Amino acid sequence: MTTAYSILDLAHAKVDASYRDAYARVVEAAQTAERLGYKRFWLAEHHSMEGIGSSATSVLIGHIAGATQSIRVGAGGIMLPNHAPIVVAEHFGTLEALYPGRIDLGVGRAPGSDGATMRALRRDMHSGVDDFPEQLAELQYFLGDKQPGQKVFAAPGMNSDIPIWLLGSSLYSAQLAAKRGLPFAFASHFAPRLLMEALHVYRSGFQPSAVLDKPYAAIGVPACAADTDARARYLHTTAQQSVLALLRGEHLRLRPPVEDMNALWTPQEQIHINDFNGIAAVGSPATIKDHLADLKAETGADEFIFASSFYEQSDRLRSLEIVAEAMKGI
């Protein structure tokens, strides 16, 4: 069986452009991905991050779904502790009613922000993460069949059968996804160290459910493909600068690529960024194909979800083409 391939996007804005421009770029990328056979296009919830335009995640999902025809669109993910589960059920129930059979709901337990932003979101600082299993159960309740005598329900939302995924960068979510029999996506696009252990925990502990009869694991993969290895390494410096900005608490607007990162980072920062991009696929078509084939053999992942940062849209679209071609037969 071939490995499915998908996209995770943050609606990155460039240093010299608006969020409106970022959304236009995202639409074009989603339309291109659809044409190239990508399975899904996910947006991730983040807050108080200048340059990241995906904070109103469900709104943007609707925008992308309305501009495409068949590709699945969804959240990768919604940070459930930030929201009342019934509101999430209503938002995604509405999306499912508008775009039936095309909406995914990935949920995570991280805040997608700092403590001050969590307070601005009216998040209870003394619960949330510890209550995540209960919040997940409540979300499943509101998306499930209406029960006799049920007075509070999601309309739309109930009886919607929207696929729920668990997302995570730790073993906790792997364990919970296995226990609940849900598909699992590991955030190895920024936290690759625990990847193999998380996959083992998920697969070995998996309990079949009404949703899945066997484990289904997707992994996040940073990707930067170009016509030559040298060109890909050069373009990848945009993504490296974004991680560097994150480390330094700077804005996250996309910066143009540079010839030499050594002029920008310290040796310690370089180590951290290289660890962040530990499984990144960077290179020419041949390099990308070999790397992804090896990654498939090593992880046995059912699906790769590619995350990319490109300054110029033409470079991103070319990378999408190269990665799609490489995935054929893997």
C-alpha atoms as a PDB file:
ATOM      1  CA  MET A   1       0.000   0.000   0.000  1.00  0.00           C
ATOM      2  CA  THR A   2       1.338   3.425  -0.894  1.00  0.00           C
ATOM      3  CA  THR A   3       1.851   6.054   1.782  1.00  0.00           C
ATOM      4  CA  ALA A   4      -0.617   8.949   1.803  1.00  0.00           C
ATOM      5  CA  TYR A   5       0.836  12.445   1.675  1.00  0.00           C
ATOM      6  CA  SER A   6      -0.660  15.634   3.074  1.00  0.00           C
ATOM      7  CA  ILE A   7       0.170  19.207   4.118  1.00  0.00           C
ATOM      8  CA  LEU A   8       0.248  21.156   7.373  1.00  0.00           C
ATOM      9  CA  ASP A   9       0.110  24.937   6.969  1.00  0.00           C
ATOM     10  CA  LEU A  10       0.312  27.941   9.309  1.00  0.00           C
ATOM     11  CA  ALA A  11      -0.673  30.664   6.813  1.00  0.00           C
ATOM     12  CA  HIS A  12       2.741  32.292   7.154  1.00  0.00           C
ATOM     13  CA  ALA A  13       2.900  35.953   6.166  1.00  0.00           C
ATOM     14  CA  LYS A  14       6.031  37.377   4.554  1.00  0.00           C
ATOM     15  CA  VAL A  15       7.978  40.256   6.083  1.00  0.00           C
ATOM     16  CA  ASP A  16       6.850  42.541   3.276  1.00  0.00           C
ATOM     17  CA  ALA A  17       3.241  41.369   2.789  1.00  0.00           C
ATOM     18  CA  SER A  18      -0.153  41.251   4.498  1.00  0.00           C
ATOM     19  CA  TYR A  19      -2.134  38.410   5.995  1.00  0.00           C
ATOM     20  CA  ARG A  20      -4.503  38.793   3.059  1.00  0.00           C
ATOM     21  CA  ASP A  21      -1.579  37.950   0.798  1.00  0.00           C
ATOM     22  CA  ALA A  22      -0.731  34.981   3.024  1.00  0.00           C
ATOM     23  CA  TYR A  23      -4.274  33.628   2.675  1.00  0.00           C
ATOM     24  CA  ALA A  24      -4.146  33.984  -1.102  1.00  0.00           C
ATOM     25  CA  ARG A  25      -0.910  31.997  -1.092  1.00  0.00           C
ATOM     26  CA  VAL A  26      -2.483  29.300   1.082  1.00  0.00           C
ATOM     27  CA  VAL A  27      -5.447  28.964  -1.281  1.00  0.00           C
ATOM     28  CA  GLU A  28      -3.129  28.572  -4.272  1.00  0.00           C
ATOM     29  CA  ALA A  29      -1.061  25.986  -2.401  1.00  0.00           C
ATOM     30  CA  ALA A  30      -4.170  24.007  -1.449  1.00  0.00           C
ATOM     31  CA  GLN A  31      -5.469  24.057  -5.006  1.00  0.00           C
ATOM     32  CA  THR A  32      -2.071  22.887  -6.278  1.00  0.00           C
ATOM     33  CA  ALA A  33      -1.911  20.168  -3.630  1.00  0.00           C
ATOM     34  CA  GLU A  34      -5.349  18.948  -4.636  1.00  0.00           C
ATOM     35  CA  ARG A  35      -4.255  18.671  -8.272  1.00  0.00           C
ATOM     36  CA  LEU A  36      -1.100  16.789  -7.253  1.00  0.00           C
ATOM     37  CA  GLY A  37      -2.904  14.148  -5.205  1.00  0.00           C
ATOM     38  CA  TYR A  38      -2.253  15.304  -1.646  1.00  0.00           C
ATOM     39  CA  LYS A  39      -4.846  13.746   0.658  1.00  0.00           C
ATOM     40  CA  ARG A  40      -5.472  16.539   3.144  1.00  0.00           C
ATOM     41  CA  PHE A  41      -4.604  20.155   3.867  1.00  0.00           C
ATOM     42  CA  TRP A  42      -4.475  20.997   7.567  1.00  0.00           C
ATOM     43  CA  LEU A  43      -4.205  24.313   9.418  1.00  0.00           C
ATOM     44  CA  ALA A  44      -2.809  24.635  12.954  1.00  0.00           C
ATOM     45  CA  GLU A  45      -4.054  26.866  15.762  1.00  0.00           C
ATOM     46  CA  HIS A  46      -1.516  29.351  17.116  1.00  0.00           C
ATOM     47  CA  HIS A  47      -1.978  32.603  19.015  1.00  0.00           C
ATOM     48  CA  SER A  48       0.058  35.771  19.666  1.00  0.00           C
ATOM     49  CA  MET A  49       2.612  34.834  17.011  1.00  0.00           C
ATOM     50  CA  GLU A  50       3.248  37.685  14.589  1.00  0.00           C
ATOM     51  CA  GLY A  51       3.416  36.237  11.091  1.00  0.00           C
ATOM     52  CA  ILE A  52       1.287  33.138  11.773  1.00  0.00           C
ATOM     53  CA  GLY A  53      -2.165  33.673  10.270  1.00  0.00           C
ATOM     54  CA  SER A  54      -3.964  30.489  11.335  1.00  0.00           C
ATOM     55  CA  SER A  55      -5.286  31.620  14.732  1.00  0.00           C
ATOM     56  CA  ALA A  56      -8.953  31.570  13.610  1.00  0.00           C
ATOM     57  CA  THR A  57      -8.446  28.027  12.419  1.00  0.00           C
ATOM     58  CA  SER A  58     -12.015  26.977  11.644  1.00  0.00           C
ATOM     59  CA  VAL A  59     -12.624  30.187   9.664  1.00  0.00           C
ATOM     60  CA  LEU A  60      -9.583  29.526   7.507  1.00  0.00           C
ATOM     61  CA  ILE A  61     -10.538  25.867   7.055  1.00  0.00           C
ATOM     62  CA  GLY A  62     -13.859  26.989   5.614  1.00  0.00           C
ATOM     63  CA  HIS A  63     -12.092  29.419   3.286  1.00  0.00           C
ATOM     64  CA  ILE A  64      -9.757  26.706   1.970  1.00  0.00           C
ATOM     65  CA  ALA A  65     -12.511  24.111   1.644  1.00  0.00           C
ATOM     66  CA  GLY A  66     -14.607  26.593  -0.326  1.00  0.00           C
ATOM     67  CA  ALA A  67     -11.754  27.201  -2.755  1.00  0.00           C
ATOM     68  CA  THR A  68     -11.117  23.484  -3.427  1.00  0.00           C
ATOM     69  CA  GLN A  69     -13.225  20.546  -4.599  1.00  0.00           C
ATOM     70  CA  SER A  70     -12.057  17.234  -3.186  1.00  0.00           C
ATOM     71  CA  ILE A  71      -9.010  17.493  -0.898  1.00  0.00           C
ATOM     72  CA  ARG A  72      -9.775  16.933   2.779  1.00  0.00           C
ATOM     73  CA  VAL A  73      -9.362  20.086   4.866  1.00  0.00           C
ATOM     74  CA  GLY A  74      -9.054  20.268   8.607  1.00  0.00           C
ATOM     75  CA  ALA A  75      -7.284  21.185  11.810  1.00  0.00           C
ATOM     76  CA  GLY A  76      -3.870  19.928  12.683  1.00  0.00           C
ATOM     77  CA  GLY A  77      -4.893  20.911  15.152  1.00  0.00           C
ATOM     78  CA  ILE A  78      -7.362  22.666  17.377  1.00  0.00           C
ATOM     79  CA  MET A  79      -5.902  23.122  20.867  1.00  0.00           C
ATOM     80  CA  LEU A  80      -8.843  21.708  22.774  1.00  0.00           C
ATOM     81  CA  PRO A  81      -8.044  23.190  26.221  1.00  0.00           C
ATOM     82  CA  ASN A  82      -8.525  26.660  24.687  1.00  0.00           C
ATOM     83  CA  HIS A  83     -12.166  25.999  23.800  1.00  0.00           C
ATOM     84  CA  ALA A  84     -15.446  24.673  25.120  1.00  0.00           C
ATOM     85  CA  PRO A  85     -15.898  21.282  23.411  1.00  0.00           C
ATOM     86  CA  ILE A  86     -19.454  22.139  22.370  1.00  0.00           C
ATOM     87  CA  VAL A  87     -18.201  25.209  20.479  1.00  0.00           C
ATOM     88  CA  VAL A  88     -15.619  23.103  18.630  1.00  0.00           C
ATOM     89  CA  ALA A  89     -18.360  20.591  17.795  1.00  0.00           C
ATOM     90  CA  GLU A  90     -20.593  23.376  16.460  1.00  0.00           C
ATOM     91  CA  HIS A  91     -17.828  24.942  14.362  1.00  0.00           C
ATOM     92  CA  PHE A  92     -16.793  21.660  12.786  1.00  0.00           C
ATOM     93  CA  GLY A  93     -20.372  20.471  12.489  1.00  0.00           C
ATOM     94  CA  THR A  94     -21.017  23.610  10.449  1.00  0.00           C
ATOM     95  CA  LEU A  95     -17.970  22.944   8.275  1.00  0.00           C
ATOM     96  CA  GLU A  96     -19.059  19.347   7.728  1.00  0.00           C
ATOM     97  CA  ALA A  97     -22.545  20.510   6.717  1.00  0.00           C
ATOM     98  CA  LEU A  98     -21.004  22.910   4.205  1.00  0.00           C
ATOM     99  CA  TYR A  99     -18.369  20.493   2.858  1.00  0.00           C
ATOM    100  CA  PRO A 100     -19.646  16.976   3.592  1.00  0.00           C
ATOM    101  CA  GLY A 101     -17.102  14.195   3.818  1.00  0.00           C
ATOM    102  CA  ARG A 102     -14.103  16.534   3.558  1.00  0.00           C
ATOM    103  CA  ILE A 103     -13.502  17.834   7.100  1.00  0.00           C
ATOM    104  CA  ASP A 104     -10.944  16.507   9.619  1.00  0.00           C
ATOM    105  CA  LEU A 105     -10.696  17.516  13.272  1.00  0.00           C
ATOM    106  CA  GLY A 106      -7.273  17.027  14.795  1.00  0.00           C
ATOM    107  CA  VAL A 107      -7.038  18.044  18.453  1.00  0.00           C
ATOM    108  CA  GLY A 108      -4.088  18.646  20.752  1.00  0.00           C
ATOM    109  CA  ARG A 109      -3.641  19.520  24.398  1.00  0.00           C
ATOM    110  CA  ALA A 110      -0.904  22.158  24.085  1.00  0.00           C
ATOM    111  CA  PRO A 111      -2.021  25.792  24.391  1.00  0.00           C
ATOM    112  CA  GLY A 112      -0.559  27.040  21.099  1.00  0.00           C
ATOM    113  CA  SER A 113       0.500  30.136  23.024  1.00  0.00           C
ATOM    114  CA  ASP A 114       2.127  31.451  26.202  1.00  0.00           C
ATOM    115  CA  GLY A 115       0.628  31.906  29.673  1.00  0.00           C
ATOM    116  CA  ALA A 116      -0.503  35.486  29.095  1.00  0.00           C
ATOM    117  CA  THR A 117      -2.290  34.484  25.909  1.00  0.00           C
ATOM    118  CA  MET A 118      -3.921  31.541  27.663  1.00  0.00           C
ATOM    119  CA  ARG A 119      -5.379  33.977  30.181  1.00  0.00           C
ATOM    120  CA  ALA A 120      -6.612  36.175  27.337  1.00  0.00           C
ATOM    121  CA  LEU A 121      -8.345  33.107  25.902  1.00  0.00           C
ATOM    122  CA  ARG A 122     -10.146  32.732  29.273  1.00  0.00           C
ATOM    123  CA  ARG A 123      -8.447  29.392  29.766  1.00  0.00           C
ATOM    124  CA  ASP A 124      -8.555  27.939  33.284  1.00  0.00           C
ATOM    125  CA  MET A 125      -4.895  27.845  34.284  1.00  0.00           C
ATOM    126  CA  HIS A 126      -5.580  25.195  36.919  1.00  0.00           C
ATOM    127  CA  SER A 127      -7.108  22.639  34.567  1.00  0.00           C
ATOM    128  CA  GLY A 128      -7.110  22.098  30.809  1.00  0.00           C
ATOM    129  CA  VAL A 129      -4.121  19.864  30.094  1.00  0.00           C
ATOM    130  CA  ASP A 130      -4.873  17.525  33.007  1.00  0.00           C
ATOM    131  CA  ASP A 131      -8.519  17.429  31.951  1.00  0.00           C
ATOM    132  CA  PHE A 132      -7.754  16.655  28.329  1.00  0.00           C
ATOM    133  CA  PRO A 133      -9.171  13.087  28.306  1.00  0.00           C
ATOM    134  CA  GLU A 134     -12.453  14.415  29.750  1.00  0.00           C
ATOM    135  CA  GLN A 135     -12.530  17.261  27.210  1.00  0.00           C
ATOM    136  CA  LEU A 136     -11.946  14.769  24.395  1.00  0.00           C
ATOM    137  CA  ALA A 137     -14.770  12.566  25.667  1.00  0.00           C
ATOM    138  CA  GLU A 138     -17.053  15.600  25.825  1.00  0.00           C
ATOM    139  CA  LEU A 139     -16.160  16.543  22.252  1.00  0.00           C
ATOM    140  CA  GLN A 140     -16.894  13.006  21.070  1.00  0.00           C
ATOM    141  CA  TYR A 141     -20.197  13.143  22.939  1.00  0.00           C
ATOM    142  CA  PHE A 142     -21.285  16.326  21.167  1.00  0.00           C
ATOM    143  CA  LEU A 143     -20.268  14.967  17.753  1.00  0.00           C
ATOM    144  CA  GLY A 144     -21.942  11.603  18.343  1.00  0.00           C
ATOM    145  CA  ASP A 145     -25.500  10.381  18.223  1.00  0.00           C
ATOM    146  CA  LYS A 146     -28.035  12.387  20.197  1.00  0.00           C
ATOM    147  CA  GLN A 147     -29.001  10.500  23.340  1.00  0.00           C
ATOM    148  CA  PRO A 148     -32.549  10.144  24.722  1.00  0.00           C
ATOM    149  CA  GLY A 149     -33.323  13.106  26.932  1.00  0.00           C
ATOM    150  CA  GLN A 150     -30.170  14.981  25.942  1.00  0.00           C
ATOM    151  CA  LYS A 151     -30.847  18.676  26.521  1.00  0.00           C
ATOM    152  CA  VAL A 152     -27.529  20.195  25.445  1.00  0.00           C
ATOM    153  CA  PHE A 153     -26.338  19.271  21.977  1.00  0.00           C
ATOM    154  CA  ALA A 154     -24.351  20.637  19.056  1.00  0.00           C
ATOM    155  CA  ALA A 155     -26.544  21.768  16.166  1.00  0.00           C
ATOM    156  CA  PRO A 156     -24.998  21.308  13.704  1.00  0.00           C
ATOM    157  CA  GLY A 157     -22.473  18.790  14.975  1.00  0.00           C
ATOM    158  CA  MET A 158     -24.342  15.856  16.433  1.00  0.00           C
ATOM    159  CA  ASN A 159     -24.444  12.726  14.257  1.00  0.00           C
ATOM    160  CA  SER A 160     -21.766  14.260  12.013  1.00  0.00           C
ATOM    161  CA  ASP A 161     -19.164  11.467  12.177  1.00  0.00           C
ATOM    162  CA  ILE A 162     -16.327  13.966  11.720  1.00  0.00           C
ATOM    163  CA  PRO A 163     -12.993  12.101  11.948  1.00  0.00           C
ATOM    164  CA  ILE A 164     -11.181  13.049  15.165  1.00  0.00           C
ATOM    165  CA  TRP A 165      -7.408  12.726  15.270  1.00  0.00           C
ATOM    166  CA  LEU A 166      -5.169  13.009  18.300  1.00  0.00           C
ATOM    167  CA  LEU A 167      -2.039  15.093  17.770  1.00  0.00           C
ATOM    168  CA  GLY A 168       1.004  15.260  19.961  1.00  0.00           C
ATOM    169  CA  SER A 169       4.732  15.680  20.429  1.00  0.00           C
ATOM    170  CA  SER A 170       4.962  13.416  23.483  1.00  0.00           C
ATOM    171  CA  LEU A 171       4.083   9.901  24.563  1.00  0.00           C
ATOM    172  CA  TYR A 172       0.950  11.091  26.372  1.00  0.00           C
ATOM    173  CA  SER A 173      -1.083  11.651  23.226  1.00  0.00           C
ATOM    174  CA  ALA A 174       0.216   8.405  21.736  1.00  0.00           C
ATOM    175  CA  GLN A 175      -1.088   6.510  24.760  1.00  0.00           C
ATOM    176  CA  LEU A 176      -4.454   8.272  24.705  1.00  0.00           C
ATOM    177  CA  ALA A 177      -4.908   7.791  20.952  1.00  0.00           C
ATOM    178  CA  ALA A 178      -4.175   4.086  21.382  1.00  0.00           C
ATOM    179  CA  LYS A 179      -6.604   3.762  24.284  1.00  0.00           C
ATOM    180  CA  ARG A 180      -9.417   5.539  22.421  1.00  0.00           C
ATOM    181  CA  GLY A 181      -8.730   3.779  19.100  1.00  0.00           C
ATOM    182  CA  LEU A 182      -8.198   7.035  17.209  1.00  0.00           C
ATOM    183  CA  PRO A 183      -5.829   7.971  14.376  1.00  0.00           C
ATOM    184  CA  PHE A 184      -2.642   9.594  15.651  1.00  0.00           C
ATOM    185  CA  ALA A 185      -0.416  12.289  14.156  1.00  0.00           C
ATOM    186  CA  PHE A 186       2.988  12.854  15.753  1.00  0.00           C
ATOM    187  CA  ALA A 187       4.576  16.304  15.547  1.00  0.00           C
ATOM    188  CA  SER A 188       7.949  15.097  14.319  1.00  0.00           C
ATOM    189  CA  HIS A 189       8.170  18.167  12.085  1.00  0.00           C
ATOM    190  CA  PHE A 190       9.433  19.985  15.196  1.00  0.00           C
ATOM    191  CA  ALA A 191       9.949  17.291  17.864  1.00  0.00           C
ATOM    192  CA  PRO A 192      11.480  14.247  16.151  1.00  0.00           C
ATOM    193  CA  ARG A 193      13.384  12.748  19.075  1.00  0.00           C
ATOM    194  CA  LEU A 194      10.460  10.786  20.492  1.00  0.00           C
ATOM    195  CA  LEU A 195       9.069   9.748  17.113  1.00  0.00           C
ATOM    196  CA  MET A 196       9.951   6.062  17.148  1.00  0.00           C
ATOM    197  CA  GLU A 197       9.022   5.595  20.803  1.00  0.00           C
ATOM    198  CA  ALA A 198       5.680   7.345  20.284  1.00  0.00           C
ATOM    199  CA  LEU A 199       4.859   5.145  17.296  1.00  0.00           C
ATOM    200  CA  HIS A 200       5.706   2.051  19.329  1.00  0.00           C
ATOM    201  CA  VAL A 201       3.540   3.188  22.250  1.00  0.00           C
ATOM    202  CA  TYR A 202       0.637   3.935  19.919  1.00  0.00           C
ATOM    203  CA  ARG A 203       0.805   0.713  17.932  1.00  0.00           C
ATOM    204  CA  SER A 204       1.510  -1.648  20.820  1.00  0.00           C
ATOM    205  CA  GLY A 205      -1.268  -0.203  22.979  1.00  0.00           C
ATOM    206  CA  PHE A 206      -3.874   0.285  20.265  1.00  0.00           C
ATOM    207  CA  GLN A 207      -7.398  -0.831  21.114  1.00  0.00           C
ATOM    208  CA  PRO A 208      -9.793  -1.211  18.158  1.00  0.00           C
ATOM    209  CA  SER A 209     -12.776   1.117  18.229  1.00  0.00           C
ATOM    210  CA  ALA A 210     -15.818   2.042  16.178  1.00  0.00           C
ATOM    211  CA  VAL A 211     -13.502   4.489  14.389  1.00  0.00           C
ATOM    212  CA  LEU A 212     -10.524   2.246  13.585  1.00  0.00           C
ATOM    213  CA  ASP A 213      -9.896  -1.479  13.644  1.00  0.00           C
ATOM    214  CA  LYS A 214      -6.107  -1.041  13.457  1.00  0.00           C
ATOM    215  CA  PRO A 215      -3.614   1.778  14.163  1.00  0.00           C
ATOM    216  CA  TYR A 216      -3.229   4.622  11.698  1.00  0.00           C
ATOM    217  CA  ALA A 217      -0.201   6.850  12.264  1.00  0.00           C
ATOM    218  CA  ALA A 218       0.802  10.017  10.428  1.00  0.00           C
ATOM    219  CA  ILE A 219       4.068  11.853  11.015  1.00  0.00           C
ATOM    220  CA  GLY A 220       5.013  15.479  10.427  1.00  0.00           C
ATOM    221  CA  VAL A 221       7.924  15.972   8.007  1.00  0.00           C
ATOM    222  CA  PRO A 222       9.612  19.314   7.235  1.00  0.00           C
ATOM    223  CA  ALA A 223      10.122  19.499   3.474  1.00  0.00           C
ATOM    224  CA  CYS A 224      12.071  21.751   1.145  1.00  0.00           C
ATOM    225  CA  ALA A 225      12.505  20.367  -2.365  1.00  0.00           C
ATOM    226  CA  ALA A 226      14.097  22.080  -5.357  1.00  0.00           C
ATOM    227  CA  ASP A 227      15.709  21.123  -8.637  1.00  0.00           C
ATOM    228  CA  THR A 228      19.166  20.793  -7.056  1.00  0.00           C
ATOM    229  CA  ASP A 229      20.459  19.999  -3.583  1.00  0.00           C
ATOM    230  CA  ALA A 230      22.228  23.354  -3.403  1.00  0.00           C
ATOM    231  CA  ARG A 231      19.073  25.263  -4.309  1.00  0.00           C
ATOM    232  CA  ALA A 232      17.051  23.341  -1.702  1.00  0.00           C
ATOM    233  CA  ARG A 233      19.610  24.027   1.032  1.00  0.00           C
ATOM    234  CA  TYR A 234      19.515  27.725   0.137  1.00  0.00           C
ATOM    235  CA  LEU A 235      15.700  27.884   0.191  1.00  0.00           C
ATOM    236  CA  HIS A 236      15.610  25.956   3.471  1.00  0.00           C
ATOM    237  CA  THR A 237      17.300  28.872   5.226  1.00  0.00           C
ATOM    238  CA  THR A 238      13.902  30.602   5.296  1.00  0.00           C
ATOM    239  CA  ALA A 239      12.566  27.805   7.522  1.00  0.00           C
ATOM    240  CA  GLN A 240      15.763  27.819   9.584  1.00  0.00           C
ATOM    241  CA  GLN A 241      15.401  31.558  10.163  1.00  0.00           C
ATOM    242  CA  SER A 242      11.828  31.020  11.347  1.00  0.00           C
ATOM    243  CA  VAL A 243      12.973  28.530  13.980  1.00  0.00           C
ATOM    244  CA  LEU A 244      15.754  30.903  14.983  1.00  0.00           C
ATOM    245  CA  ALA A 245      13.212  33.713  15.385  1.00  0.00           C
ATOM    246  CA  LEU A 246      11.039  31.413  17.510  1.00  0.00           C
ATOM    247  CA  LEU A 247      14.006  30.659  19.784  1.00  0.00           C
ATOM    248  CA  ARG A 248      14.740  34.370  20.167  1.00  0.00           C
ATOM    249  CA  GLY A 249      11.142  35.460  20.670  1.00  0.00           C
ATOM    250  CA  GLU A 250      11.112  37.503  17.465  1.00  0.00           C
ATOM    251  CA  HIS A 251       8.378  37.864  14.849  1.00  0.00           C
ATOM    252  CA  LEU A 252       7.714  34.815  12.681  1.00  0.00           C
ATOM    253  CA  ARG A 253       7.104  36.506   9.353  1.00  0.00           C
ATOM    254  CA  LEU A 254       8.880  34.691   6.533  1.00  0.00           C
ATOM    255  CA  ARG A 255      12.335  36.040   5.792  1.00  0.00           C
ATOM    256  CA  PRO A 256      14.134  35.759   2.434  1.00  0.00           C
ATOM    257  CA  PRO A 257      16.676  32.931   2.127  1.00  0.00           C
ATOM    258  CA  VAL A 258      20.335  33.683   2.821  1.00  0.00           C
ATOM    259  CA  GLU A 259      23.592  32.258   1.529  1.00  0.00           C
ATOM    260  CA  ASP A 260      25.106  31.550   4.950  1.00  0.00           C
ATOM    261  CA  MET A 261      23.256  30.834   8.197  1.00  0.00           C
ATOM    262  CA  ASN A 262      26.537  30.928  10.128  1.00  0.00           C
ATOM    263  CA  ALA A 263      26.345  34.697  10.012  1.00  0.00           C
ATOM    264  CA  LEU A 264      23.007  34.561  11.835  1.00  0.00           C
ATOM    265  CA  TRP A 265      23.060  31.796  14.421  1.00  0.00           C
ATOM    266  CA  THR A 266      25.325  30.764  17.277  1.00  0.00           C
ATOM    267  CA  PRO A 267      26.686  27.204  17.431  1.00  0.00           C
ATOM    268  CA  GLN A 268      24.200  26.405  20.205  1.00  0.00           C
ATOM    269  CA  GLU A 269      21.309  27.753  18.153  1.00  0.00           C
ATOM    270  CA  GLN A 270      22.468  25.748  15.159  1.00  0.00           C
ATOM    271  CA  ILE A 271      22.390  22.545  17.214  1.00  0.00           C
ATOM    272  CA  HIS A 272      18.866  23.298  18.425  1.00  0.00           C
ATOM    273  CA  ILE A 273      17.591  24.120  14.940  1.00  0.00           C
ATOM    274  CA  ASN A 274      19.190  21.027  13.433  1.00  0.00           C
ATOM    275  CA  ASP A 275      17.468  18.950  16.133  1.00  0.00           C
ATOM    276  CA  PHE A 276      14.159  20.703  15.384  1.00  0.00           C
ATOM    277  CA  ASN A 277      14.558  19.714  11.716  1.00  0.00           C
ATOM    278  CA  GLY A 278      15.916  16.276  12.516  1.00  0.00           C
ATOM    279  CA  ILE A 279      13.921  14.359   9.884  1.00  0.00           C
ATOM    280  CA  ALA A 280      13.614  17.172   7.338  1.00  0.00           C
ATOM    281  CA  ALA A 281      13.522  16.243   3.662  1.00  0.00           C
ATOM    282  CA  VAL A 282      15.729  18.825   1.940  1.00  0.00           C
ATOM    283  CA  GLY A 283      17.149  18.376  -1.530  1.00  0.00           C
ATOM    284  CA  SER A 284      16.733  17.572  -5.183  1.00  0.00           C
ATOM    285  CA  PRO A 285      14.092  15.141  -6.534  1.00  0.00           C
ATOM    286  CA  ALA A 286      16.450  12.169  -6.176  1.00  0.00           C
ATOM    287  CA  THR A 287      17.559  13.173  -2.673  1.00  0.00           C
ATOM    288  CA  ILE A 288      13.978  13.727  -1.548  1.00  0.00           C
ATOM    289  CA  LYS A 289      12.795  10.381  -2.885  1.00  0.00           C
ATOM    290  CA  ASP A 290      15.632   8.458  -1.219  1.00  0.00           C
ATOM    291  CA  HIS A 291      15.092  10.238   2.094  1.00  0.00           C
ATOM    292  CA  LEU A 292      11.349   9.647   2.129  1.00  0.00           C
ATOM    293  CA  ALA A 293      11.744   5.999   1.162  1.00  0.00           C
ATOM    294  CA  ASP A 294      14.176   5.549   4.061  1.00  0.00           C
ATOM    295  CA  LEU A 295      11.817   7.373   6.426  1.00  0.00           C
ATOM    296  CA  LYS A 296       8.958   5.116   5.381  1.00  0.00           C
ATOM    297  CA  ALA A 297      11.072   2.016   5.925  1.00  0.00           C
ATOM    298  CA  GLU A 298      12.182   3.245   9.343  1.00  0.00           C
ATOM    299  CA  THR A 299       8.823   4.404  10.690  1.00  0.00           C
ATOM    300  CA  GLY A 300       6.197   2.450   8.755  1.00  0.00           C
ATOM    301  CA  ALA A 301       4.079   5.616   8.835  1.00  0.00           C
ATOM    302  CA  ASP A 302       0.725   5.377   7.094  1.00  0.00           C
ATOM    303  CA  GLU A 303       0.895   9.026   6.080  1.00  0.00           C
ATOM    304  CA  PHE A 304       3.422  11.852   5.797  1.00  0.00           C
ATOM    305  CA  ILE A 305       2.185  15.358   6.611  1.00  0.00           C
ATOM    306  CA  PHE A 306       4.600  17.876   5.117  1.00  0.00           C
ATOM    307  CA  ALA A 307       5.313  21.268   6.677  1.00  0.00           C
ATOM    308  CA  SER A 308       7.186  23.896   4.669  1.00  0.00           C
ATOM    309  CA  SER A 309       8.274  27.540   4.801  1.00  0.00           C
ATOM    310  CA  PHE A 310       9.087  29.269   1.524  1.00  0.00           C
ATOM    311  CA  TYR A 311       9.549  32.963   0.911  1.00  0.00           C
ATOM    312  CA  GLU A 312       8.580  32.845  -2.763  1.00  0.00           C
ATOM    313  CA  GLN A 313       5.356  31.097  -3.737  1.00  0.00           C
ATOM    314  CA  SER A 314       6.832  29.718  -6.957  1.00  0.00           C
ATOM    315  CA  ASP A 315       9.462  27.841  -4.923  1.00  0.00           C
ATOM    316  CA  ARG A 316       6.780  26.364  -2.693  1.00  0.00           C
ATOM    317  CA  LEU A 317       4.665  25.171  -5.590  1.00  0.00           C
ATOM    318  CA  ARG A 318       7.686  23.565  -7.223  1.00  0.00           C
ATOM    319  CA  SER A 319       8.496  21.808  -3.943  1.00  0.00           C
ATOM    320  CA  LEU A 320       4.939  20.468  -3.785  1.00  0.00           C
ATOM    321  CA  GLU A 321       5.383  18.989  -7.245  1.00  0.00           C
ATOM    322  CA  ILE A 322       8.712  17.339  -6.409  1.00  0.00           C
ATOM    323  CA  VAL A 323       7.443  15.857  -3.141  1.00  0.00           C
ATOM    324  CA  ALA A 324       4.264  14.522  -4.783  1.00  0.00           C
ATOM    325  CA  GLU A 325       6.309  12.843  -7.504  1.00  0.00           C
ATOM    326  CA  ALA A 326       8.650  11.352  -4.908  1.00  0.00           C
ATOM    327  CA  MET A 327       5.743   9.924  -2.915  1.00  0.00           C
ATOM    328  CA  LYS A 328       4.456   7.889  -5.838  1.00  0.00           C
ATOM    329  CA  GLY A 329       5.320   4.295  -5.114  1.00  0.00           C
ATOM    330  CA  ILE A 330       6.576   4.885  -1.555  1.00  0.00           C
END
